Amino acid sequence: MYQMKILTETLETKDLNIVDALILIDSSIKLLTETRNNSTLINELIASAKSFCLKLDIDFDGDFNQHHRKRLKPKKIDSNQQSHVNLTYEDFYRKEFLQVLDTLIGLSSEDLKSCLVCIQPLFKVLSVPISSNITVKDVEKAFSLFPKKLKLKLIKNHLRTTMTSSRLNDLIILDSEKDILDNIEMTNMASLKERRISV
């Protein structure tokens, strides 16, 4: 689980870029999958947990036996004699570690895929070279990235003479984040004072 700690600490750093984060998450998922499929690594995890408990003077076996009772053989004649189980702490914690690893692998993979879907429009916006001297040709290049549904001719004709770089940035962001923009209640936003609008 030390790998997950390294992953968390690295993802919280300020100077992290997206490529390094994706490589780190992908390698962590591979490492967790490798750990999940290798029984000796899981046995080492259990042994390290036991040695950590011994350092803290915790009775590992006694604590396990106190919270996990043995399932005894039934004493009735007609009951199932094969239902008793002698569960050791290795078997119990192996099962628990496997469940945790499966959850981590599944969540990390799903989160990575959902983040990639969110980052793609942002990548399109940031890949457009925006310079201080914007020409009509640059505006047409920027708007060619977006779907034709948008009335680009109306926007370009109406704002052709007043288009500044900040206005172009705002329009590109509004178009790329159209799904968020569709969910905003315009009547509520219009009624708010400027100091109350949360950015």
C-alpha atoms as a PDB file:
ATOM      1  CA  MET A   1       0.000   0.000   0.000  1.00  0.00           C
ATOM      2  CA  TYR A   2       3.107   2.164   0.071  1.00  0.00           C
ATOM      3  CA  GLN A   3       2.636   2.648  -3.690  1.00  0.00           C
ATOM      4  CA  MET A   4      -0.756   4.302  -3.132  1.00  0.00           C
ATOM      5  CA  LYS A   5       0.822   6.656  -0.589  1.00  0.00           C
ATOM      6  CA  ILE A   6       3.466   7.690  -3.135  1.00  0.00           C
ATOM      7  CA  LEU A   7       0.742   8.166  -5.761  1.00  0.00           C
ATOM      8  CA  THR A   8      -1.335  10.355  -3.451  1.00  0.00           C
ATOM      9  CA  GLU A   9       1.605  12.507  -2.377  1.00  0.00           C
ATOM     10  CA  THR A  10       2.797  12.977  -5.954  1.00  0.00           C
ATOM     11  CA  LEU A  11      -0.663  13.917  -7.238  1.00  0.00           C
ATOM     12  CA  GLU A  12      -0.942  16.572  -4.511  1.00  0.00           C
ATOM     13  CA  THR A  13       2.232  18.404  -5.544  1.00  0.00           C
ATOM     14  CA  LYS A  14       1.867  21.851  -7.100  1.00  0.00           C
ATOM     15  CA  ASP A  15       4.265  21.374 -10.004  1.00  0.00           C
ATOM     16  CA  LEU A  16       2.679  18.228 -11.463  1.00  0.00           C
ATOM     17  CA  ASN A  17       1.839  18.064 -15.154  1.00  0.00           C
ATOM     18  CA  ILE A  18      -0.887  15.955 -16.748  1.00  0.00           C
ATOM     19  CA  VAL A  19       1.426  13.582 -18.619  1.00  0.00           C
ATOM     20  CA  ASP A  20       3.378  12.647 -15.483  1.00  0.00           C
ATOM     21  CA  ALA A  21       0.122  12.166 -13.564  1.00  0.00           C
ATOM     22  CA  LEU A  22      -1.290   9.826 -16.220  1.00  0.00           C
ATOM     23  CA  ILE A  23       1.926   7.781 -16.349  1.00  0.00           C
ATOM     24  CA  LEU A  24       2.014   7.561 -12.543  1.00  0.00           C
ATOM     25  CA  ILE A  25      -1.652   6.494 -12.274  1.00  0.00           C
ATOM     26  CA  ASP A  26      -1.241   3.929 -15.059  1.00  0.00           C
ATOM     27  CA  SER A  27       1.863   2.421 -13.442  1.00  0.00           C
ATOM     28  CA  SER A  28       0.100   2.329 -10.050  1.00  0.00           C
ATOM     29  CA  ILE A  29      -2.856   0.453 -11.555  1.00  0.00           C
ATOM     30  CA  LYS A  30      -0.461  -2.053 -13.155  1.00  0.00           C
ATOM     31  CA  LEU A  31       1.377  -2.476  -9.849  1.00  0.00           C
ATOM     32  CA  LEU A  32      -1.860  -3.039  -7.941  1.00  0.00           C
ATOM     33  CA  THR A  33      -3.007  -5.579 -10.535  1.00  0.00           C
ATOM     34  CA  GLU A  34       0.337  -7.339 -10.240  1.00  0.00           C
ATOM     35  CA  THR A  35       0.008  -7.397  -6.447  1.00  0.00           C
ATOM     36  CA  ARG A  36      -3.534  -8.718  -6.720  1.00  0.00           C
ATOM     37  CA  ASN A  37      -2.440 -11.629  -8.931  1.00  0.00           C
ATOM     38  CA  ASN A  38       0.646 -12.550  -6.879  1.00  0.00           C
ATOM     39  CA  SER A  39      -0.113 -14.473  -3.669  1.00  0.00           C
ATOM     40  CA  THR A  40       3.412 -14.068  -2.274  1.00  0.00           C
ATOM     41  CA  LEU A  41       3.074 -10.262  -2.344  1.00  0.00           C
ATOM     42  CA  ILE A  42      -0.215 -10.514  -0.449  1.00  0.00           C
ATOM     43  CA  ASN A  43       1.446 -12.819   2.099  1.00  0.00           C
ATOM     44  CA  GLU A  44       4.200 -10.206   2.472  1.00  0.00           C
ATOM     45  CA  LEU A  45       1.542  -7.536   3.082  1.00  0.00           C
ATOM     46  CA  ILE A  46       0.009  -9.671   5.831  1.00  0.00           C
ATOM     47  CA  ALA A  47       3.437 -10.351   7.349  1.00  0.00           C
ATOM     48  CA  SER A  48       4.294  -6.630   7.310  1.00  0.00           C
ATOM     49  CA  ALA A  49       0.953  -5.822   8.991  1.00  0.00           C
ATOM     50  CA  LYS A  50       1.702  -8.431  11.663  1.00  0.00           C
ATOM     51  CA  SER A  51       5.212  -7.066  12.263  1.00  0.00           C
ATOM     52  CA  PHE A  52       3.765  -3.533  12.520  1.00  0.00           C
ATOM     53  CA  CYS A  53       1.315  -4.787  15.157  1.00  0.00           C
ATOM     54  CA  LEU A  54       4.161  -6.414  17.081  1.00  0.00           C
ATOM     55  CA  LYS A  55       6.063  -3.091  17.091  1.00  0.00           C
ATOM     56  CA  LEU A  56       3.022  -1.467  18.705  1.00  0.00           C
ATOM     57  CA  ASP A  57       2.650  -4.339  21.243  1.00  0.00           C
ATOM     58  CA  ILE A  58      -0.669  -5.487  19.763  1.00  0.00           C
ATOM     59  CA  ASP A  59      -1.506  -9.158  20.151  1.00  0.00           C
ATOM     60  CA  PHE A  60      -2.267 -10.001  16.532  1.00  0.00           C
ATOM     61  CA  ASP A  61      -3.586 -13.541  17.087  1.00  0.00           C
ATOM     62  CA  GLY A  62      -5.457 -12.710  20.292  1.00  0.00           C
ATOM     63  CA  ASP A  63      -7.162  -9.702  18.740  1.00  0.00           C
ATOM     64  CA  PHE A  64      -8.153 -11.744  15.692  1.00  0.00           C
ATOM     65  CA  ASN A  65      -9.567 -14.570  17.835  1.00  0.00           C
ATOM     66  CA  GLN A  66     -11.470 -12.098  20.004  1.00  0.00           C
ATOM     67  CA  HIS A  67     -13.318 -10.570  17.035  1.00  0.00           C
ATOM     68  CA  HIS A  68     -13.667 -13.653  14.813  1.00  0.00           C
ATOM     69  CA  ARG A  69     -15.199 -16.744  16.341  1.00  0.00           C
ATOM     70  CA  LYS A  70     -14.796 -20.195  14.872  1.00  0.00           C
ATOM     71  CA  ARG A  71     -17.791 -21.763  13.227  1.00  0.00           C
ATOM     72  CA  LEU A  72     -18.172 -25.032  15.120  1.00  0.00           C
ATOM     73  CA  LYS A  73     -19.625 -28.318  13.969  1.00  0.00           C
ATOM     74  CA  PRO A  74     -23.376 -28.452  14.496  1.00  0.00           C
ATOM     75  CA  LYS A  75     -24.460 -30.728  17.340  1.00  0.00           C
ATOM     76  CA  LYS A  76     -27.829 -31.744  15.890  1.00  0.00           C
ATOM     77  CA  ILE A  77     -27.980 -35.057  14.089  1.00  0.00           C
ATOM     78  CA  ASP A  78     -29.760 -33.826  10.952  1.00  0.00           C
ATOM     79  CA  SER A  79     -27.666 -30.680  10.423  1.00  0.00           C
ATOM     80  CA  ASN A  80     -24.889 -30.291   7.877  1.00  0.00           C
ATOM     81  CA  GLN A  81     -21.638 -31.539   9.379  1.00  0.00           C
ATOM     82  CA  GLN A  82     -19.530 -29.898   6.649  1.00  0.00           C
ATOM     83  CA  SER A  83     -20.506 -26.334   7.588  1.00  0.00           C
ATOM     84  CA  HIS A  84     -17.786 -25.788  10.192  1.00  0.00           C
ATOM     85  CA  VAL A  85     -14.893 -23.539   9.188  1.00  0.00           C
ATOM     86  CA  ASN A  86     -11.533 -23.041  10.798  1.00  0.00           C
ATOM     87  CA  LEU A  87     -10.598 -19.607   9.404  1.00  0.00           C
ATOM     88  CA  THR A  88      -7.042 -18.477  10.098  1.00  0.00           C
ATOM     89  CA  TYR A  89      -6.011 -14.845  10.152  1.00  0.00           C
ATOM     90  CA  GLU A  90      -3.969 -15.336   6.946  1.00  0.00           C
ATOM     91  CA  ASP A  91      -7.048 -16.545   5.056  1.00  0.00           C
ATOM     92  CA  PHE A  92      -9.237 -13.788   6.473  1.00  0.00           C
ATOM     93  CA  TYR A  93      -6.829 -10.944   5.729  1.00  0.00           C
ATOM     94  CA  ARG A  94      -5.948 -12.377   2.315  1.00  0.00           C
ATOM     95  CA  LYS A  95      -9.653 -12.186   1.443  1.00  0.00           C
ATOM     96  CA  GLU A  96      -9.878  -8.626   2.847  1.00  0.00           C
ATOM     97  CA  PHE A  97      -6.755  -7.448   0.984  1.00  0.00           C
ATOM     98  CA  LEU A  98      -8.066  -8.899  -2.277  1.00  0.00           C
ATOM     99  CA  GLN A  99     -11.350  -7.011  -1.846  1.00  0.00           C
ATOM    100  CA  VAL A 100      -9.473  -3.765  -1.154  1.00  0.00           C
ATOM    101  CA  LEU A 101      -7.177  -4.272  -4.146  1.00  0.00           C
ATOM    102  CA  ASP A 102     -10.134  -5.032  -6.442  1.00  0.00           C
ATOM    103  CA  THR A 103     -11.866  -1.860  -5.257  1.00  0.00           C
ATOM    104  CA  LEU A 104      -8.734   0.287  -5.748  1.00  0.00           C
ATOM    105  CA  ILE A 105      -8.058  -1.107  -9.229  1.00  0.00           C
ATOM    106  CA  GLY A 106     -11.664  -0.619 -10.321  1.00  0.00           C
ATOM    107  CA  LEU A 107     -12.000   2.894  -8.909  1.00  0.00           C
ATOM    108  CA  SER A 108      -8.657   4.050 -10.273  1.00  0.00           C
ATOM    109  CA  SER A 109      -9.431   2.753 -13.772  1.00  0.00           C
ATOM    110  CA  GLU A 110     -12.921   4.310 -13.816  1.00  0.00           C
ATOM    111  CA  ASP A 111     -11.663   7.635 -12.450  1.00  0.00           C
ATOM    112  CA  LEU A 112      -8.879   7.747 -15.021  1.00  0.00           C
ATOM    113  CA  LYS A 113     -11.315   7.165 -17.891  1.00  0.00           C
ATOM    114  CA  SER A 114     -13.741   9.805 -16.625  1.00  0.00           C
ATOM    115  CA  CYS A 115     -10.911  12.326 -16.158  1.00  0.00           C
ATOM    116  CA  LEU A 116      -9.694  11.744 -19.706  1.00  0.00           C
ATOM    117  CA  VAL A 117     -13.185  12.512 -21.049  1.00  0.00           C
ATOM    118  CA  CYS A 118     -13.215  15.782 -19.077  1.00  0.00           C
ATOM    119  CA  ILE A 119      -9.701  16.786 -20.133  1.00  0.00           C
ATOM    120  CA  GLN A 120     -10.168  16.350 -23.899  1.00  0.00           C
ATOM    121  CA  PRO A 121     -12.167  19.590 -24.468  1.00  0.00           C
ATOM    122  CA  LEU A 122      -9.678  21.452 -22.300  1.00  0.00           C
ATOM    123  CA  PHE A 123      -6.844  20.047 -24.383  1.00  0.00           C
ATOM    124  CA  LYS A 124      -8.548  21.313 -27.547  1.00  0.00           C
ATOM    125  CA  VAL A 125      -8.844  24.790 -26.085  1.00  0.00           C
ATOM    126  CA  LEU A 126      -5.271  24.887 -24.835  1.00  0.00           C
ATOM    127  CA  SER A 127      -3.813  23.479 -28.038  1.00  0.00           C
ATOM    128  CA  VAL A 128      -5.125  26.447 -30.027  1.00  0.00           C
ATOM    129  CA  PRO A 129      -2.265  28.933 -30.312  1.00  0.00           C
ATOM    130  CA  ILE A 130      -3.603  32.208 -28.986  1.00  0.00           C
ATOM    131  CA  SER A 131      -1.336  35.153 -29.487  1.00  0.00           C
ATOM    132  CA  SER A 132      -1.766  38.829 -28.755  1.00  0.00           C
ATOM    133  CA  ASN A 133      -2.229  39.699 -32.462  1.00  0.00           C
ATOM    134  CA  ILE A 134      -5.414  37.883 -33.421  1.00  0.00           C
ATOM    135  CA  THR A 135      -6.525  37.976 -37.018  1.00  0.00           C
ATOM    136  CA  VAL A 136      -9.727  36.760 -38.662  1.00  0.00           C
ATOM    137  CA  LYS A 137      -7.819  33.733 -39.927  1.00  0.00           C
ATOM    138  CA  ASP A 138      -6.805  32.806 -36.370  1.00  0.00           C
ATOM    139  CA  VAL A 139     -10.397  33.154 -35.189  1.00  0.00           C
ATOM    140  CA  GLU A 140     -11.608  30.894 -38.002  1.00  0.00           C
ATOM    141  CA  LYS A 141      -8.946  28.309 -37.101  1.00  0.00           C
ATOM    142  CA  ALA A 142     -10.015  28.378 -33.461  1.00  0.00           C
ATOM    143  CA  PHE A 143     -13.697  28.030 -34.282  1.00  0.00           C
ATOM    144  CA  SER A 144     -13.070  25.246 -36.789  1.00  0.00           C
ATOM    145  CA  LEU A 145     -12.357  22.925 -33.841  1.00  0.00           C
ATOM    146  CA  PHE A 146     -15.936  23.121 -32.599  1.00  0.00           C
ATOM    147  CA  PRO A 147     -19.145  21.631 -34.014  1.00  0.00           C
ATOM    148  CA  LYS A 148     -20.979  23.318 -36.875  1.00  0.00           C
ATOM    149  CA  LYS A 149     -24.175  23.577 -34.793  1.00  0.00           C
ATOM    150  CA  LEU A 150     -22.942  26.818 -33.349  1.00  0.00           C
ATOM    151  CA  LYS A 151     -23.906  29.864 -35.408  1.00  0.00           C
ATOM    152  CA  LEU A 152     -20.308  30.768 -36.070  1.00  0.00           C
ATOM    153  CA  LYS A 153     -21.125  33.103 -38.927  1.00  0.00           C
ATOM    154  CA  LEU A 154     -23.389  35.154 -36.683  1.00  0.00           C
ATOM    155  CA  ILE A 155     -20.776  35.331 -33.955  1.00  0.00           C
ATOM    156  CA  LYS A 156     -17.950  36.167 -36.342  1.00  0.00           C
ATOM    157  CA  ASN A 157     -19.919  38.805 -38.275  1.00  0.00           C
ATOM    158  CA  HIS A 158     -21.283  40.460 -35.157  1.00  0.00           C
ATOM    159  CA  LEU A 159     -18.006  40.544 -33.262  1.00  0.00           C
ATOM    160  CA  ARG A 160     -15.508  40.760 -36.119  1.00  0.00           C
ATOM    161  CA  THR A 161     -14.386  44.286 -35.354  1.00  0.00           C
ATOM    162  CA  THR A 162     -14.547  44.084 -31.557  1.00  0.00           C
ATOM    163  CA  MET A 163     -12.983  40.659 -31.031  1.00  0.00           C
ATOM    164  CA  THR A 164     -10.142  40.772 -28.504  1.00  0.00           C
ATOM    165  CA  SER A 165      -8.093  37.895 -27.186  1.00  0.00           C
ATOM    166  CA  SER A 166      -9.971  37.789 -23.868  1.00  0.00           C
ATOM    167  CA  ARG A 167     -13.321  37.737 -25.710  1.00  0.00           C
ATOM    168  CA  LEU A 168     -12.091  34.920 -27.959  1.00  0.00           C
ATOM    169  CA  ASN A 169     -10.881  32.955 -24.910  1.00  0.00           C
ATOM    170  CA  ASP A 170     -14.266  33.376 -23.239  1.00  0.00           C
ATOM    171  CA  LEU A 171     -16.154  32.218 -26.327  1.00  0.00           C
ATOM    172  CA  ILE A 172     -13.926  29.172 -26.788  1.00  0.00           C
ATOM    173  CA  ILE A 173     -14.359  28.163 -23.148  1.00  0.00           C
ATOM    174  CA  LEU A 174     -18.140  28.689 -23.327  1.00  0.00           C
ATOM    175  CA  ASP A 175     -18.381  26.523 -26.428  1.00  0.00           C
ATOM    176  CA  SER A 176     -16.140  23.740 -25.129  1.00  0.00           C
ATOM    177  CA  GLU A 177     -17.983  23.585 -21.792  1.00  0.00           C
ATOM    178  CA  LYS A 178     -21.433  23.723 -23.381  1.00  0.00           C
ATOM    179  CA  ASP A 179     -22.823  20.906 -21.222  1.00  0.00           C
ATOM    180  CA  ILE A 180     -22.093  22.892 -18.051  1.00  0.00           C
ATOM    181  CA  LEU A 181     -23.439  26.078 -19.600  1.00  0.00           C
ATOM    182  CA  ASP A 182     -26.742  24.394 -20.506  1.00  0.00           C
ATOM    183  CA  ASN A 183     -27.374  23.537 -16.841  1.00  0.00           C
ATOM    184  CA  ILE A 184     -27.002  27.120 -15.555  1.00  0.00           C
ATOM    185  CA  GLU A 185     -30.204  28.910 -14.593  1.00  0.00           C
ATOM    186  CA  MET A 186     -29.927  32.267 -16.361  1.00  0.00           C
ATOM    187  CA  THR A 187     -32.783  33.888 -14.381  1.00  0.00           C
ATOM    188  CA  ASN A 188     -31.044  33.148 -11.079  1.00  0.00           C
ATOM    189  CA  MET A 189     -27.718  34.370 -12.418  1.00  0.00           C
ATOM    190  CA  ALA A 190     -29.222  37.610 -13.736  1.00  0.00           C
ATOM    191  CA  SER A 191     -30.806  38.354 -10.375  1.00  0.00           C
ATOM    192  CA  LEU A 192     -27.518  38.012  -8.475  1.00  0.00           C
ATOM    193  CA  LYS A 193     -25.399  41.037  -7.814  1.00  0.00           C
ATOM    194  CA  GLU A 194     -21.894  40.976  -9.239  1.00  0.00           C
ATOM    195  CA  ARG A 195     -20.258  40.461  -5.859  1.00  0.00           C
ATOM    196  CA  ARG A 196     -22.385  37.353  -5.174  1.00  0.00           C
ATOM    197  CA  ILE A 197     -21.566  35.436  -8.339  1.00  0.00           C
ATOM    198  CA  SER A 198     -19.387  32.465  -7.447  1.00  0.00           C
ATOM    199  CA  VAL A 199     -16.673  31.790  -9.955  1.00  0.00           C
END
